[in-house]
Amino acid sequence: MSLEELRTRRDECLAEREYLSLLRRLVQGRAEILRAELEGRGDEGDRASLVERLSTILAGDEPQGASRGEAVRVGVPDDELLLARRRVERLVADAGISDPTALDDERLAAAAALLSEEEREVSAARGDVIGVLDSVQDELKRRYKDDPSLVLQ
């Protein structure tokens, strides 16, 4: 494979990883909202509305994963952002969860499970993309090490 083709594939992998990362976060956010609503229903006494609790729900208390040692890439193109949002909206519409407070406990739990499964699938696809990206990066590093002048080409 030519150096140009390797670079093109690396860039495609980076773009796909960014898209899948965004999609995963959107799905996770919806799932967290549903789980919080379900858990909140079991709490005794007066509790804040779902809307009032959103910032706390979405802030999460899970630590971020280890860094891959790469420069932070900011932004996903608008068309990819729109695709991710539409995919999540379609999933939400299919599950009937546009208003979690209107669902009974059984439907709410089923919808949360559906979103969790979607998140696992997106995470698996993201992991596959990262595997390809790592292979391409390794080949680029090998070529650059063998001939440092390639970096400037």
Protein backbone atom coordinates (compact mmCIF):
# COMPACT_ATOMS: atom_id res chain seq x y z
CA MET A 1 0.00 0.00 0.00
CA SER A 2 1.32 3.43 -0.85
CA LEU A 3 2.15 5.99 1.80
CA GLU A 4 -0.70 8.18 0.56
CA GLU A 5 -3.17 5.29 0.86
CA LEU A 6 -1.98 4.58 4.41
CA ARG A 7 -2.48 8.21 5.37
CA THR A 8 -5.92 8.23 3.78
CA ARG A 9 -6.91 5.11 5.71
CA ARG A 10 -5.55 6.61 8.93
CA ASP A 11 -7.63 9.73 8.39
CA GLU A 12 -10.73 7.66 7.62
CA CYS A 13 -10.19 5.63 10.79
CA LEU A 14 -9.78 8.80 12.84
CA ALA A 15 -12.99 10.25 11.42
CA GLU A 16 -14.91 7.02 12.03
CA ARG A 17 -13.57 6.78 15.58
CA GLU A 18 -14.68 10.35 16.29
CA TYR A 19 -18.14 9.64 14.86
CA LEU A 20 -18.52 6.42 16.87
CA SER A 21 -17.27 8.15 20.02
CA LEU A 22 -19.90 10.85 19.62
CA LEU A 23 -22.60 8.30 18.87
CA ARG A 24 -21.63 6.22 21.88
CA ARG A 25 -21.79 9.25 24.15
CA LEU A 26 -25.21 10.25 22.83
CA VAL A 27 -26.54 6.74 23.44
CA GLN A 28 -24.90 6.59 26.87
CA GLY A 29 -26.47 9.90 27.81
CA ARG A 30 -29.95 8.68 26.91
CA ALA A 31 -29.39 5.41 28.78
CA GLU A 32 -28.16 7.30 31.86
CA ILE A 33 -31.29 9.46 31.81
CA LEU A 34 -33.53 6.40 31.66
CA ARG A 35 -31.66 4.58 34.43
CA ALA A 36 -31.78 7.69 36.62
CA GLU A 37 -35.53 7.99 36.08
CA LEU A 38 -36.01 4.33 36.94
CA GLU A 39 -33.82 4.58 40.05
CA GLY A 40 -35.50 7.83 41.07
CA ARG A 41 -38.87 6.13 41.09
CA GLY A 42 -37.70 3.91 43.91
CA ASP A 43 -36.60 6.84 46.07
CA GLU A 44 -38.83 7.84 48.94
CA GLY A 45 -40.01 11.38 49.51
CA ASP A 46 -39.95 14.47 47.34
CA ARG A 47 -37.50 14.41 44.46
CA ALA A 48 -36.58 16.87 41.75
CA SER A 49 -38.02 16.46 38.28
CA LEU A 50 -36.05 14.67 35.63
CA VAL A 51 -35.29 17.97 33.90
CA GLU A 52 -33.94 19.47 37.15
CA ARG A 53 -31.64 16.45 37.60
CA LEU A 54 -30.25 16.35 34.04
CA SER A 55 -26.96 18.12 34.70
CA THR A 56 -26.21 15.78 37.60
CA ILE A 57 -27.24 12.70 35.63
CA LEU A 58 -25.13 13.56 32.61
CA ALA A 59 -22.10 14.73 34.60
CA GLY A 60 -21.56 11.15 35.71
CA ASP A 61 -19.08 10.03 38.29
CA GLU A 62 -17.21 7.49 36.18
CA PRO A 63 -13.55 8.33 35.61
CA GLN A 64 -12.47 8.87 32.04
CA GLY A 65 -10.52 6.04 30.42
CA ALA A 66 -6.80 6.12 29.92
CA SER A 67 -5.56 8.39 27.19
CA ARG A 68 -4.26 6.87 23.97
CA GLY A 69 -1.49 9.50 24.00
CA GLU A 70 -2.85 11.27 20.94
CA ALA A 71 -3.48 14.92 20.34
CA VAL A 72 -7.04 15.82 21.19
CA ARG A 73 -9.16 16.19 18.07
CA VAL A 74 -11.99 18.60 18.45
CA GLY A 75 -15.19 18.59 16.50
CA VAL A 76 -17.10 16.22 14.33
CA PRO A 77 -18.28 17.52 10.95
CA ASP A 78 -21.84 18.80 10.98
CA ASP A 79 -23.08 16.08 8.62
CA GLU A 80 -21.67 13.34 10.85
CA LEU A 81 -23.09 15.02 13.94
CA LEU A 82 -26.48 15.08 12.25
CA LEU A 83 -26.17 11.37 11.34
CA ALA A 84 -25.35 10.46 14.94
CA ARG A 85 -28.25 12.48 16.30
CA ARG A 86 -30.66 11.00 13.78
CA ARG A 87 -29.55 7.48 14.68
CA VAL A 88 -30.16 8.13 18.36
CA GLU A 89 -33.48 9.85 17.65
CA ARG A 90 -34.60 6.87 15.55
CA LEU A 91 -33.62 4.52 18.37
CA VAL A 92 -35.50 6.67 20.88
CA ALA A 93 -38.57 6.79 18.63
CA ASP A 94 -38.46 3.01 18.11
CA ALA A 95 -38.29 2.46 21.86
CA GLY A 96 -40.99 5.05 22.55
CA ILE A 97 -38.84 6.89 25.08
CA SER A 98 -39.15 10.52 24.08
CA ASP A 99 -40.72 11.15 27.49
CA PRO A 100 -39.29 8.70 30.06
CA THR A 101 -41.58 10.01 32.79
CA ALA A 102 -44.61 8.78 30.82
CA LEU A 103 -43.41 5.15 30.71
CA ASP A 104 -44.23 2.51 33.25
CA ASP A 105 -41.33 0.81 35.03
CA GLU A 106 -41.32 -2.23 32.74
CA ARG A 107 -41.16 -0.20 29.50
CA LEU A 108 -38.60 2.13 31.00
CA ALA A 109 -36.35 -0.80 31.99
CA ALA A 110 -36.74 -2.35 28.52
CA ALA A 111 -35.82 0.94 26.84
CA ALA A 112 -32.76 1.34 29.08
CA ALA A 113 -31.70 -2.20 28.20
CA LEU A 114 -32.14 -1.46 24.48
CA LEU A 115 -29.94 1.63 24.73
CA SER A 116 -27.34 -0.27 26.75
CA GLU A 117 -27.18 -2.93 24.03
CA GLU A 118 -26.81 -0.24 21.37
CA GLU A 119 -23.97 1.30 23.38
CA ARG A 120 -22.20 -2.07 23.57
CA GLU A 121 -22.53 -2.52 19.80
CA VAL A 122 -21.21 0.97 19.08
CA SER A 123 -18.35 0.39 21.54
CA ALA A 124 -17.45 -2.89 19.82
CA ALA A 125 -17.45 -1.18 16.41
CA ARG A 126 -15.31 1.62 17.84
CA GLY A 127 -12.89 -0.96 19.22
CA ASP A 128 -12.62 -2.56 15.78
CA VAL A 129 -11.87 0.82 14.21
CA ILE A 130 -9.23 1.52 16.86
CA GLY A 131 -7.62 -1.86 16.05
CA VAL A 132 -7.37 -0.94 12.36
CA LEU A 133 -6.13 2.54 13.26
CA ASP A 134 -3.41 1.07 15.46
CA SER A 135 -2.27 -1.23 12.62
CA VAL A 136 -2.15 1.64 10.14
CA GLN A 137 -0.32 3.86 12.63
CA ASP A 138 2.20 1.11 13.35
CA GLU A 139 2.92 0.74 9.62
CA LEU A 140 3.30 4.50 9.22
CA LYS A 141 5.68 4.65 12.19
CA ARG A 142 7.71 1.77 10.77
CA ARG A 143 8.02 3.52 7.40
CA TYR A 144 8.91 6.85 9.00
CA LYS A 145 11.55 5.18 11.13
CA ASP A 146 13.05 3.47 8.08
CA ASP A 147 13.00 6.71 6.06
CA PRO A 148 12.45 9.88 8.13
CA SER A 149 12.16 11.98 4.96
CA LEU A 150 8.72 10.40 4.36
CA VAL A 151 7.29 12.46 7.21
CA LEU A 152 7.66 15.60 5.12
CA GLN A 153 6.15 14.14 1.96
